Amino acid sequence: MKVLIVDDEPLARKRIRRLLDDIGNCEIVGEATNGKEALIKSGELNPDLVLLDIRMPEMDGLEAARHFSTLPNPPAIIFTTAYSDHALKAFETNAVDYLLKPIRKERLQKAIANTHKLNRAQLSELKLESTEKTTRSHLSVSIRGNIELIPVTDIIYFQAEQKYVNLGYTKGKVLIEDSLKSLENEFSELVFRIHRNALVAKHYLEGIEKNSEGQYCIKLRDTDTKLEISRRYLPQIRKKLKNISQ
C-alpha cells in the first residue's frame, strides 16, 4: 500500500513514518506540509492511502479531502487530529476514520486494515458539522485524472447551464458539478446573485450596460463575458455599484 503523509509538523510526520515502518506492508511514497501540496503530490505519486492532518495552513485537511473525492480513483483517507472529543462527534456520525494524536501503533494498524474511500456526501456533511471554517479556499476540477485547483480569489462568475455550472475565472472557464445554490451559500461573502442562473464576484464588478436587445448586462473585469441581469436584482446591483464608487 502506497502512503502519503500530510502534516505541517515535522515531528508528527517523523512519528507516523516510524510507526508505518514498524507496521510494515506500507510504502511511504512522500510527505506534504498542507492540503494544497498534498493534492499536487498525489497527482504525481498516486497513493492508495493519505494520512491527512486536519489543522494546517493554506489549505486544511477537510478541504483537501473534498478535493480528493472529485478524482476518478481517489485514495483512501485517514484523518489525524488533535481535536477535542466534542468536535470528533462529526467524524463518528459520518463513519469517517480518524486517529487522535498522539497516534498509537495499534490504532494506526487497525485504521489501515479498515481503510475505505470516502464519498463526497460524507465529506460535505463532515465539513458542515465540524468546527472549522466551511468556505473553501480553492475549487477543484479533475482533468485527465489530476486535480486543477482554482483559487477562490480568481473566480469571476458562476453561471448555471443545465445540470452543470460554468465557472468563469481569470484563466478561462470550466464546468463544475456544484449547484448554484450551494455555491451561493458557501461563498455568500464573495458573490451575489444577478439572475436566477448567475452569481458574480463582488471584487470583479465593474458596471452595468445594455446589449443590442436592450437587456441590462453586468460588466466584469478580466472577462468579455456579458451576463444578463434580471429586473428583480437590478436595483440591488445599482446600489452595490454606487457603494463601490463612493
Protein backbone atom coordinates (compact mmCIF):
# COMPACT_ATOMS: atom_id res chain seq x y z
CA MET A 1 0.00 0.00 0.00
CA LYS A 2 1.43 3.37 -1.08
CA VAL A 3 1.02 6.02 1.64
CA LEU A 4 1.28 9.81 1.55
CA ILE A 5 1.84 11.52 4.94
CA VAL A 6 0.38 15.03 5.27
CA ASP A 7 1.10 17.16 8.35
CA ASP A 8 2.56 20.63 8.84
CA GLU A 9 4.58 19.48 11.86
CA PRO A 10 7.91 17.73 11.03
CA LEU A 11 7.89 15.76 14.29
CA ALA A 12 4.38 14.44 13.59
CA ARG A 13 5.42 13.29 10.11
CA LYS A 14 8.52 11.65 11.55
CA ARG A 15 6.45 9.78 14.16
CA ILE A 16 3.96 8.50 11.56
CA ARG A 17 6.82 7.40 9.30
CA ARG A 18 8.37 5.44 12.18
CA LEU A 19 5.06 3.79 13.05
CA LEU A 20 4.46 2.78 9.43
CA ASP A 21 7.95 1.29 9.24
CA ASP A 22 7.15 -0.80 12.33
CA ILE A 23 3.82 -1.96 10.92
CA GLY A 24 5.24 -2.93 7.52
CA ASN A 25 3.38 -3.61 4.26
CA CYS A 26 3.32 0.15 3.60
CA GLU A 27 5.42 2.08 1.11
CA ILE A 28 5.79 5.72 2.11
CA VAL A 29 5.83 7.49 -1.26
CA GLY A 30 6.03 11.04 0.04
CA GLU A 31 5.21 13.77 2.54
CA ALA A 32 3.36 17.08 2.33
CA THR A 33 3.01 20.01 4.72
CA ASN A 34 -0.51 21.22 3.76
CA GLY A 35 -3.56 20.20 1.78
CA LYS A 36 -2.60 22.01 -1.41
CA GLU A 37 0.82 20.37 -1.52
CA ALA A 38 -0.81 17.01 -0.80
CA LEU A 39 -3.11 17.32 -3.82
CA ILE A 40 -0.22 18.20 -6.11
CA LYS A 41 1.93 15.33 -4.84
CA SER A 42 -0.98 12.91 -5.04
CA GLY A 43 -1.20 13.55 -8.78
CA GLU A 44 2.47 12.64 -9.10
CA LEU A 45 2.64 9.74 -6.64
CA ASN A 46 -0.83 8.10 -6.87
CA PRO A 47 -1.02 6.98 -3.22
CA ASP A 48 -3.51 4.32 -2.11
CA LEU A 49 -3.84 5.97 1.31
CA VAL A 50 -3.42 9.53 2.61
CA LEU A 51 -2.81 10.12 6.31
CA LEU A 52 -4.20 13.63 6.50
CA ASP A 53 -3.82 16.14 9.31
CA ILE A 54 -6.80 18.49 9.73
CA ARG A 55 -5.42 21.78 11.02
CA MET A 56 -2.85 23.02 8.52
CA PRO A 57 -2.00 26.40 6.94
CA GLU A 58 -3.03 27.42 3.40
CA MET A 59 -5.45 24.50 2.94
CA ASP A 60 -6.73 22.33 5.80
CA GLY A 61 -7.28 18.59 5.70
CA LEU A 62 -11.06 18.74 5.41
CA GLU A 63 -10.93 20.91 2.30
CA ALA A 64 -8.19 18.76 0.78
CA ALA A 65 -10.31 15.66 1.37
CA ARG A 66 -13.22 17.21 -0.53
CA HIS A 67 -10.91 17.86 -3.47
CA PHE A 68 -9.57 14.30 -3.30
CA SER A 69 -13.13 13.00 -3.56
CA THR A 70 -13.53 14.56 -7.04
CA LEU A 71 -10.86 12.29 -8.52
CA PRO A 72 -11.95 9.31 -10.67
CA ASN A 73 -9.98 7.00 -8.38
CA PRO A 74 -9.47 8.84 -5.06
CA PRO A 75 -7.17 7.49 -2.35
CA ALA A 76 -8.48 6.25 0.96
CA ILE A 77 -8.16 8.85 3.71
CA ILE A 78 -7.47 8.59 7.43
CA PHE A 79 -7.57 11.89 9.28
CA THR A 80 -5.07 12.65 12.04
CA THR A 81 -6.18 15.21 14.58
CA ALA A 82 -5.78 16.78 17.99
CA TYR A 83 -9.49 17.70 18.12
CA SER A 84 -11.43 17.70 21.37
CA ASP A 85 -13.84 14.80 21.96
CA HIS A 86 -16.81 17.11 21.29
CA ALA A 87 -15.58 18.08 17.82
CA LEU A 88 -14.90 14.43 16.94
CA LYS A 89 -18.63 13.64 17.02
CA ALA A 90 -18.86 14.92 13.45
CA PHE A 91 -16.37 12.26 12.36
CA GLU A 92 -18.14 9.48 14.22
CA THR A 93 -21.54 10.46 12.83
CA ASN A 94 -20.26 10.20 9.27
CA ALA A 95 -18.29 6.96 9.74
CA VAL A 96 -15.02 8.69 8.92
CA ASP A 97 -11.88 7.12 10.35
CA TYR A 98 -9.54 9.32 12.33
CA LEU A 99 -6.53 8.97 14.58
CA LEU A 100 -6.28 11.08 17.70
CA LYS A 101 -2.80 12.45 18.42
CA PRO A 102 -0.51 11.21 19.82
CA ILE A 103 -1.05 8.31 17.41
CA ARG A 104 -0.60 4.78 18.73
CA LYS A 105 0.79 1.94 16.64
CA GLU A 106 -2.13 -0.42 17.34
CA ARG A 107 -4.72 2.19 16.44
CA LEU A 108 -2.91 3.09 13.22
CA GLN A 109 -2.62 -0.56 12.25
CA LYS A 110 -6.34 -1.10 12.81
CA ALA A 111 -7.27 2.02 10.82
CA ILE A 112 -5.14 0.93 7.87
CA ALA A 113 -6.73 -2.53 7.91
CA ASN A 114 -10.18 -0.92 7.72
CA THR A 115 -9.43 1.81 5.19
CA HIS A 116 -12.19 2.71 2.78
CA LYS A 117 -12.74 5.51 0.31
CA LEU A 118 -14.99 8.33 1.43
CA ASN A 119 -17.77 9.58 -0.80
CA ARG A 120 -18.46 13.25 -1.48
CA ALA A 121 -21.62 13.29 0.63
CA GLN A 122 -19.75 12.09 3.73
CA LEU A 123 -17.08 14.75 3.30
CA SER A 124 -19.58 17.54 2.70
CA GLU A 125 -21.53 16.63 5.84
CA LEU A 126 -18.33 16.37 7.82
CA LYS A 127 -17.30 19.84 6.72
CA LEU A 128 -20.65 21.31 7.73
CA GLU A 129 -20.63 19.69 11.15
CA SER A 130 -17.02 20.44 12.02
CA THR A 131 -15.90 23.50 13.97
CA GLU A 132 -13.57 24.54 11.15
CA LYS A 133 -14.36 27.19 8.51
CA THR A 134 -16.73 25.91 5.83
CA THR A 135 -15.64 28.12 2.92
CA ARG A 136 -13.12 26.53 0.57
CA SER A 137 -10.02 28.48 -0.43
CA HIS A 138 -9.99 26.71 -3.82
CA LEU A 139 -12.37 24.94 -6.17
CA SER A 140 -11.13 21.81 -7.91
CA VAL A 141 -11.59 20.33 -11.35
CA SER A 142 -10.46 16.85 -12.32
CA ILE A 143 -8.56 16.93 -15.63
CA ARG A 144 -7.23 13.64 -17.02
CA GLY A 145 -7.19 12.16 -13.53
CA ASN A 146 -5.36 15.11 -11.94
CA ILE A 147 -6.74 17.93 -9.82
CA GLU A 148 -6.53 21.52 -11.01
CA LEU A 149 -7.01 23.94 -8.13
CA ILE A 150 -8.66 27.29 -8.83
CA PRO A 151 -8.16 29.92 -6.09
CA VAL A 152 -11.44 31.44 -4.94
CA THR A 153 -9.90 34.88 -5.44
CA ASP A 154 -9.64 34.12 -9.21
CA ILE A 155 -13.37 33.35 -9.59
CA ILE A 156 -15.28 35.94 -11.64
CA TYR A 157 -18.71 34.35 -12.02
CA PHE A 158 -20.83 31.19 -11.80
CA GLN A 159 -23.50 30.54 -14.44
CA ALA A 160 -25.89 27.58 -14.38
CA GLU A 161 -26.00 25.53 -17.57
CA GLN A 162 -28.43 22.58 -17.46
CA LYS A 163 -27.16 20.22 -14.73
CA TYR A 164 -23.71 21.83 -14.53
CA VAL A 165 -22.37 25.25 -13.57
CA ASN A 166 -19.95 27.26 -15.70
CA LEU A 167 -17.15 28.66 -13.56
CA GLY A 168 -15.57 31.74 -15.14
CA TYR A 169 -12.19 32.68 -13.71
CA THR A 170 -9.12 34.68 -14.66
CA LYS A 171 -7.68 31.91 -16.89
CA GLY A 172 -10.86 30.88 -18.71
CA LYS A 173 -13.88 28.81 -17.78
CA VAL A 174 -14.64 25.23 -16.76
CA LEU A 175 -17.68 23.16 -15.84
CA ILE A 176 -18.20 22.13 -12.22
CA GLU A 177 -20.84 19.92 -10.59
CA ASP A 178 -21.68 22.12 -7.59
CA SER A 179 -25.19 23.59 -7.58
CA LEU A 180 -25.60 27.34 -7.89
CA LYS A 181 -27.49 27.43 -4.60
CA SER A 182 -24.76 25.62 -2.68
CA LEU A 183 -22.13 27.95 -4.15
CA GLU A 184 -24.20 30.99 -3.18
CA ASN A 185 -24.49 29.70 0.39
CA GLU A 186 -20.82 28.81 0.72
CA PHE A 187 -19.42 31.99 -0.85
CA SER A 188 -22.06 34.47 0.32
CA GLU A 189 -19.35 36.93 1.39
CA LEU A 190 -17.70 36.86 -2.04
CA VAL A 191 -20.50 36.62 -4.62
CA PHE A 192 -24.02 37.91 -5.17
CA ARG A 193 -26.86 36.89 -7.46
CA ILE A 194 -27.71 38.87 -10.59
CA HIS A 195 -30.11 36.35 -12.15
CA ARG A 196 -31.71 33.04 -11.23
CA ASN A 197 -28.92 31.38 -13.23
CA ALA A 198 -25.90 33.54 -12.35
CA LEU A 199 -23.67 34.72 -9.50
CA VAL A 200 -20.83 37.22 -9.84
CA ALA A 201 -17.83 38.00 -7.65
CA LYS A 202 -18.10 41.36 -5.89
CA HIS A 203 -14.47 42.34 -6.46
CA TYR A 204 -14.78 41.86 -10.25
CA LEU A 205 -17.88 44.03 -10.59
CA GLU A 206 -17.25 46.96 -12.93
CA GLY A 207 -20.58 48.31 -14.16
CA ILE A 208 -23.89 47.85 -15.98
CA GLU A 209 -24.52 48.18 -19.69
CA LYS A 210 -27.29 47.43 -22.20
CA ASN A 211 -26.84 44.93 -25.01
CA SER A 212 -28.19 45.25 -28.56
CA GLU A 213 -31.54 43.84 -27.43
CA GLY A 214 -31.92 46.41 -24.68
CA GLN A 215 -31.27 43.96 -21.85
CA TYR A 216 -29.20 45.03 -18.86
CA CYS A 217 -25.94 43.10 -18.51
CA ILE A 218 -23.23 43.05 -15.89
CA LYS A 219 -19.78 44.29 -16.86
CA LEU A 220 -16.96 42.40 -15.17
CA ARG A 221 -13.21 42.87 -15.04
CA ASP A 222 -10.89 40.33 -16.77
CA THR A 223 -13.60 38.75 -18.95
CA ASP A 224 -15.54 39.60 -22.10
CA THR A 225 -18.49 37.50 -20.95
CA LYS A 226 -21.68 39.54 -20.52
CA LEU A 227 -24.23 38.12 -18.09
CA GLU A 228 -27.84 39.23 -18.13
CA ILE A 229 -29.25 40.97 -15.06
CA SER A 230 -32.84 40.18 -14.17
CA ARG A 231 -35.13 43.11 -13.29
CA ARG A 232 -35.56 41.66 -9.81
CA TYR A 233 -31.86 42.14 -8.97
CA LEU A 234 -31.16 45.35 -10.93
CA PRO A 235 -31.88 47.80 -8.03
CA GLN A 236 -29.59 45.83 -5.68
CA ILE A 237 -26.75 45.84 -8.21
CA ARG A 238 -27.09 49.57 -8.84
CA LYS A 239 -26.88 50.12 -5.09
CA LYS A 240 -23.73 47.97 -4.83
CA LEU A 241 -22.08 49.86 -7.68
CA LYS A 242 -22.93 53.17 -6.02
CA ASN A 243 -21.35 51.98 -2.76
CA ILE A 244 -18.22 50.84 -4.58
CA SER A 245 -17.78 54.19 -6.33
CA GLN A 246 -18.11 56.18 -3.11
